[in-house]
């Protein structure tokens, strides 16, 4: 359980770091208008949105994934409408884990 929590914490930290790096970019090789990025993720990989959150300066971070292709992608959409892919990978799995009981320092 501790190993899983450590991995999840590290993953969230890496996502936050990647999202901060995107704010420094306005356009680049991995950036395009949102509609173009979403079309690419759905048509090429069959990915759908699995999670969403706010990151600094009004940007939106989203996680897309596919149970069929088992691929995943993290994107950040900037306030100007440009969307950047910040991370992607394979072997995606959906997990549902309960939080430790209150007062338990596990």
N, C-alpha and C. Protein backbone atom coordinates (compact mmCIF):
# COMPACT_ATOMS: atom_id res chain seq x y z
N UNK A 1 0.82 -1.19 0.00
CA UNK A 1 0.00 0.00 0.00
C UNK A 1 0.87 1.26 0.00
N UNK A 2 1.93 1.25 0.82
CA UNK A 2 2.82 2.41 0.87
C UNK A 2 3.49 2.63 -0.48
N UNK A 3 3.85 1.53 -1.16
CA UNK A 3 4.48 1.63 -2.47
C UNK A 3 3.53 2.26 -3.48
N UNK A 4 2.26 1.87 -3.44
CA UNK A 4 1.26 2.44 -4.36
C UNK A 4 1.07 3.92 -4.08
N UNK A 5 0.97 4.29 -2.81
CA UNK A 5 0.79 5.70 -2.46
C UNK A 5 2.00 6.52 -2.91
N UNK A 6 3.20 5.97 -2.74
CA UNK A 6 4.42 6.66 -3.17
C UNK A 6 4.38 6.89 -4.68
N UNK A 7 4.01 5.87 -5.45
CA UNK A 7 3.95 6.00 -6.91
C UNK A 7 2.91 7.04 -7.32
N UNK A 8 1.75 7.04 -6.64
CA UNK A 8 0.72 8.01 -6.98
C UNK A 8 1.18 9.43 -6.67
N UNK A 9 1.84 9.61 -5.54
CA UNK A 9 2.34 10.93 -5.16
C UNK A 9 3.38 11.41 -6.15
N UNK A 10 4.30 10.53 -6.53
CA UNK A 10 5.32 10.89 -7.50
C UNK A 10 4.68 11.24 -8.85
N UNK A 11 3.69 10.47 -9.25
CA UNK A 11 3.01 10.75 -10.51
C UNK A 11 2.34 12.11 -10.51
N UNK A 12 1.65 12.44 -9.43
CA UNK A 12 1.00 13.75 -9.33
C UNK A 12 2.02 14.87 -9.34
N UNK A 13 3.15 14.66 -8.67
CA UNK A 13 4.21 15.66 -8.67
C UNK A 13 4.77 15.89 -10.06
N UNK A 14 4.96 14.80 -10.80
CA UNK A 14 5.47 14.92 -12.17
C UNK A 14 4.47 15.64 -13.07
N UNK A 15 3.16 15.36 -12.88
CA UNK A 15 2.15 16.05 -13.68
C UNK A 15 2.17 17.54 -13.40
N UNK A 16 2.29 17.90 -12.13
CA UNK A 16 2.32 19.32 -11.77
C UNK A 16 3.55 20.01 -12.36
N UNK A 17 4.69 19.34 -12.30
CA UNK A 17 5.91 19.89 -12.87
C UNK A 17 5.78 20.06 -14.38
N UNK A 18 5.22 19.06 -15.05
CA UNK A 18 5.04 19.14 -16.50
C UNK A 18 4.10 20.28 -16.85
N UNK A 19 3.04 20.44 -16.07
CA UNK A 19 2.08 21.52 -16.35
C UNK A 19 2.73 22.88 -16.19
N UNK A 20 3.63 23.03 -15.22
CA UNK A 20 4.32 24.29 -15.04
C UNK A 20 5.22 24.58 -16.23
N UNK A 21 5.85 23.56 -16.78
CA UNK A 21 6.72 23.75 -17.93
C UNK A 21 5.94 24.23 -19.15
N UNK A 22 4.70 23.76 -19.29
CA UNK A 22 3.88 24.16 -20.43
C UNK A 22 3.57 25.64 -20.38
N UNK A 23 3.40 26.20 -19.19
CA UNK A 23 3.10 27.62 -19.08
C UNK A 23 4.19 28.49 -19.69
N UNK A 24 5.41 27.98 -19.77
CA UNK A 24 6.51 28.73 -20.35
C UNK A 24 6.44 28.72 -21.87
N UNK A 25 5.65 27.80 -22.42
CA UNK A 25 5.54 27.70 -23.88
C UNK A 25 4.28 28.40 -24.35
N UNK A 26 4.32 28.94 -25.53
CA UNK A 26 3.08 29.43 -26.13
C UNK A 26 2.69 28.53 -27.29
N UNK A 27 3.64 28.08 -28.03
CA UNK A 27 3.41 27.10 -29.08
C UNK A 27 4.68 26.30 -29.26
N UNK A 28 4.55 25.12 -29.71
CA UNK A 28 5.71 24.27 -29.94
C UNK A 28 5.30 23.03 -30.69
N UNK A 29 6.20 22.11 -30.77
CA UNK A 29 5.96 20.88 -31.51
C UNK A 29 4.79 20.10 -30.94
N UNK A 30 4.56 20.15 -29.64
CA UNK A 30 3.50 19.39 -29.00
C UNK A 30 2.27 20.23 -28.68
N UNK A 31 2.14 21.38 -29.31
CA UNK A 31 1.02 22.28 -29.03
C UNK A 31 0.24 22.56 -30.31
N UNK A 32 -1.08 22.73 -30.14
CA UNK A 32 -1.95 23.04 -31.27
C UNK A 32 -3.27 23.55 -30.70
N UNK A 33 -4.16 24.07 -31.55
CA UNK A 33 -5.48 24.45 -31.06
C UNK A 33 -6.17 23.23 -30.42
N UNK A 34 -6.96 23.46 -29.39
CA UNK A 34 -7.59 22.38 -28.63
C UNK A 34 -8.34 21.39 -29.51
N UNK A 35 -9.10 21.88 -30.47
CA UNK A 35 -9.89 20.98 -31.32
C UNK A 35 -9.00 20.01 -32.09
N UNK A 36 -7.84 20.47 -32.52
CA UNK A 36 -6.90 19.61 -33.26
C UNK A 36 -6.35 18.53 -32.36
N UNK A 37 -5.97 18.89 -31.14
CA UNK A 37 -5.41 17.92 -30.19
C UNK A 37 -6.46 16.88 -29.82
N UNK A 38 -7.68 17.31 -29.51
CA UNK A 38 -8.73 16.37 -29.13
C UNK A 38 -9.07 15.42 -30.27
N UNK A 39 -9.11 15.92 -31.47
CA UNK A 39 -9.38 15.07 -32.63
C UNK A 39 -8.29 14.00 -32.77
N UNK A 40 -7.04 14.39 -32.58
CA UNK A 40 -5.92 13.45 -32.65
C UNK A 40 -6.04 12.36 -31.58
N UNK A 41 -6.33 12.76 -30.35
CA UNK A 41 -6.43 11.79 -29.26
C UNK A 41 -7.59 10.82 -29.45
N UNK A 42 -8.72 11.30 -29.93
CA UNK A 42 -9.88 10.42 -30.10
C UNK A 42 -9.76 9.55 -31.34
N UNK A 43 -9.33 10.11 -32.46
CA UNK A 43 -9.29 9.33 -33.70
C UNK A 43 -8.10 8.37 -33.77
N UNK A 44 -6.93 8.79 -33.33
CA UNK A 44 -5.75 7.94 -33.45
C UNK A 44 -5.63 6.93 -32.31
N UNK A 45 -5.99 7.36 -31.09
CA UNK A 45 -5.78 6.50 -29.92
C UNK A 45 -7.06 6.05 -29.22
N UNK A 46 -8.21 6.61 -29.60
CA UNK A 46 -9.47 6.23 -28.96
C UNK A 46 -9.55 6.69 -27.52
N UNK A 47 -8.82 7.74 -27.17
CA UNK A 47 -8.78 8.21 -25.79
C UNK A 47 -9.94 9.15 -25.48
N UNK A 48 -10.41 9.07 -24.24
CA UNK A 48 -11.46 9.94 -23.74
C UNK A 48 -10.98 10.57 -22.44
N UNK A 49 -11.56 11.70 -22.08
CA UNK A 49 -11.13 12.40 -20.87
C UNK A 49 -11.48 11.58 -19.63
N UNK A 50 -10.50 11.43 -18.74
CA UNK A 50 -10.67 10.66 -17.50
C UNK A 50 -10.53 11.54 -16.27
N UNK A 51 -9.94 12.71 -16.40
CA UNK A 51 -9.76 13.58 -15.25
C UNK A 51 -9.46 15.00 -15.70
N UNK A 52 -9.69 15.96 -14.80
CA UNK A 52 -9.48 17.36 -15.12
C UNK A 52 -9.11 18.11 -13.85
N UNK A 53 -8.30 19.14 -13.98
CA UNK A 53 -7.93 19.96 -12.84
C UNK A 53 -7.34 21.29 -13.29
N UNK A 54 -7.34 22.25 -12.38
CA UNK A 54 -6.77 23.56 -12.68
C UNK A 54 -5.31 23.58 -12.28
N UNK A 55 -4.49 24.21 -13.11
CA UNK A 55 -3.09 24.43 -12.79
C UNK A 55 -2.86 25.93 -12.80
N UNK A 56 -1.64 26.36 -12.61
CA UNK A 56 -1.39 27.78 -12.41
C UNK A 56 -1.79 28.66 -13.59
N UNK A 57 -2.11 29.89 -13.27
CA UNK A 57 -2.41 30.96 -14.23
C UNK A 57 -3.57 30.63 -15.16
N UNK A 58 -4.59 29.95 -14.65
CA UNK A 58 -5.81 29.72 -15.43
C UNK A 58 -5.73 28.62 -16.45
N UNK A 59 -4.71 27.81 -16.43
CA UNK A 59 -4.60 26.68 -17.36
C UNK A 59 -5.36 25.48 -16.82
N UNK A 60 -5.79 24.61 -17.73
CA UNK A 60 -6.55 23.42 -17.36
C UNK A 60 -5.75 22.19 -17.77
N UNK A 61 -5.54 21.27 -16.82
CA UNK A 61 -4.84 20.02 -17.08
C UNK A 61 -5.88 18.91 -17.19
N UNK A 62 -5.73 18.05 -18.21
CA UNK A 62 -6.66 16.94 -18.40
C UNK A 62 -5.88 15.66 -18.66
N UNK A 63 -6.46 14.55 -18.20
CA UNK A 63 -5.90 13.24 -18.46
C UNK A 63 -6.87 12.52 -19.39
N UNK A 64 -6.35 12.03 -20.51
CA UNK A 64 -7.12 11.24 -21.46
C UNK A 64 -6.56 9.82 -21.48
N UNK A 65 -7.41 8.83 -21.67
CA UNK A 65 -6.94 7.45 -21.69
C UNK A 65 -7.94 6.57 -22.44
N UNK A 66 -7.46 5.40 -22.83
CA UNK A 66 -8.30 4.42 -23.52
C UNK A 66 -8.11 3.05 -22.88
N UNK A 67 -9.22 2.41 -22.53
CA UNK A 67 -9.15 1.05 -22.02
C UNK A 67 -8.80 0.07 -23.13
N UNK A 68 -9.18 0.41 -24.36
CA UNK A 68 -8.93 -0.49 -25.50
C UNK A 68 -7.47 -0.47 -25.93
N UNK A 69 -6.92 0.72 -26.17
CA UNK A 69 -5.53 0.81 -26.61
C UNK A 69 -4.56 0.84 -25.44
N UNK A 70 -5.09 1.12 -24.23
CA UNK A 70 -4.32 1.23 -22.98
C UNK A 70 -3.29 2.36 -23.03
N UNK A 71 -3.55 3.37 -23.88
CA UNK A 71 -2.68 4.55 -23.95
C UNK A 71 -3.26 5.65 -23.07
N UNK A 72 -2.41 6.60 -22.68
CA UNK A 72 -2.84 7.74 -21.88
C UNK A 72 -2.06 8.97 -22.32
N UNK A 73 -2.67 10.13 -22.12
CA UNK A 73 -2.06 11.40 -22.48
C UNK A 73 -2.47 12.46 -21.47
N UNK A 74 -1.53 13.29 -21.06
CA UNK A 74 -1.83 14.44 -20.21
C UNK A 74 -1.65 15.69 -21.07
N UNK A 75 -2.69 16.52 -21.10
CA UNK A 75 -2.64 17.77 -21.86
C UNK A 75 -2.90 18.94 -20.93
N UNK A 76 -2.42 20.11 -21.32
CA UNK A 76 -2.70 21.36 -20.62
C UNK A 76 -3.18 22.37 -21.65
N UNK A 77 -4.33 22.96 -21.37
CA UNK A 77 -4.87 24.00 -22.24
C UNK A 77 -4.63 25.35 -21.58
N UNK A 78 -3.96 26.21 -22.31
CA UNK A 78 -3.64 27.55 -21.82
C UNK A 78 -4.84 28.48 -22.00
N UNK A 79 -4.89 29.59 -21.29
CA UNK A 79 -6.01 30.52 -21.42
C UNK A 79 -6.24 31.01 -22.85
N UNK A 80 -5.19 31.01 -23.68
CA UNK A 80 -5.35 31.48 -25.06
C UNK A 80 -5.92 30.41 -25.99
N UNK A 81 -6.25 29.21 -25.45
CA UNK A 81 -6.87 28.15 -26.25
C UNK A 81 -5.90 27.16 -26.84
N UNK A 82 -4.62 27.40 -26.70
CA UNK A 82 -3.62 26.46 -27.20
C UNK A 82 -3.51 25.30 -26.20
N UNK A 83 -3.50 24.08 -26.74
CA UNK A 83 -3.40 22.88 -25.92
C UNK A 83 -2.07 22.21 -26.20
N UNK A 84 -1.36 21.83 -25.13
CA UNK A 84 -0.06 21.19 -25.26
C UNK A 84 -0.09 19.81 -24.61
N UNK A 85 0.47 18.84 -25.31
CA UNK A 85 0.62 17.50 -24.75
C UNK A 85 1.90 17.50 -23.93
N UNK A 86 1.78 17.17 -22.64
CA UNK A 86 2.94 17.23 -21.75
C UNK A 86 3.48 15.86 -21.38
N UNK A 87 2.67 14.82 -21.51
CA UNK A 87 3.14 13.47 -21.21
C UNK A 87 2.20 12.47 -21.85
N UNK A 88 2.73 11.30 -22.20
CA UNK A 88 1.90 10.23 -22.74
C UNK A 88 2.59 8.91 -22.48
N UNK A 89 1.82 7.83 -22.59
CA UNK A 89 2.42 6.53 -22.34
C UNK A 89 1.46 5.40 -22.65
N UNK A 90 1.83 4.22 -22.20
CA UNK A 90 1.08 3.00 -22.46
C UNK A 90 0.76 2.30 -21.15
N UNK A 91 0.04 1.19 -21.26
CA UNK A 91 -0.31 0.32 -20.14
C UNK A 91 -1.18 1.04 -19.10
N UNK A 92 -2.13 1.86 -19.57
CA UNK A 92 -3.03 2.58 -18.67
C UNK A 92 -3.96 1.61 -17.96
N UNK A 93 -4.15 1.81 -16.68
CA UNK A 93 -5.10 1.03 -15.89
C UNK A 93 -5.89 1.98 -15.00
N UNK A 94 -7.17 1.73 -14.88
CA UNK A 94 -8.01 2.50 -13.98
C UNK A 94 -7.96 1.85 -12.61
N UNK A 95 -7.67 2.64 -11.59
CA UNK A 95 -7.60 2.14 -10.22
C UNK A 95 -8.62 2.85 -9.35
N UNK A 96 -9.18 2.12 -8.43
CA UNK A 96 -10.03 2.70 -7.41
C UNK A 96 -9.50 2.22 -6.08
N UNK A 97 -8.91 3.12 -5.34
CA UNK A 97 -8.31 2.77 -4.06
C UNK A 97 -8.90 3.64 -2.97
N UNK A 98 -9.18 3.02 -1.85
CA UNK A 98 -9.71 3.75 -0.71
C UNK A 98 -8.59 4.51 -0.01
N UNK A 99 -8.93 5.65 0.54
CA UNK A 99 -7.98 6.41 1.35
C UNK A 99 -7.76 5.69 2.67
N UNK A 100 -6.59 5.84 3.26
CA UNK A 100 -6.39 5.23 4.58
C UNK A 100 -7.34 5.84 5.60
N UNK A 101 -7.69 5.08 6.62
CA UNK A 101 -8.57 5.56 7.68
C UNK A 101 -7.93 6.76 8.37
N UNK A 102 -8.75 7.68 8.84
CA UNK A 102 -8.25 8.86 9.57
C UNK A 102 -7.44 8.42 10.78
N UNK A 103 -6.34 9.11 10.98
CA UNK A 103 -5.49 8.79 12.10
C UNK A 103 -4.52 7.67 11.83
N UNK A 104 -4.63 7.05 10.67
CA UNK A 104 -3.72 5.98 10.28
C UNK A 104 -2.59 6.61 9.49
N UNK A 105 -1.35 6.43 9.92
CA UNK A 105 -0.22 7.06 9.25
C UNK A 105 0.41 6.14 8.21
N UNK A 106 -0.40 5.30 7.58
CA UNK A 106 0.11 4.37 6.57
C UNK A 106 0.48 5.07 5.30
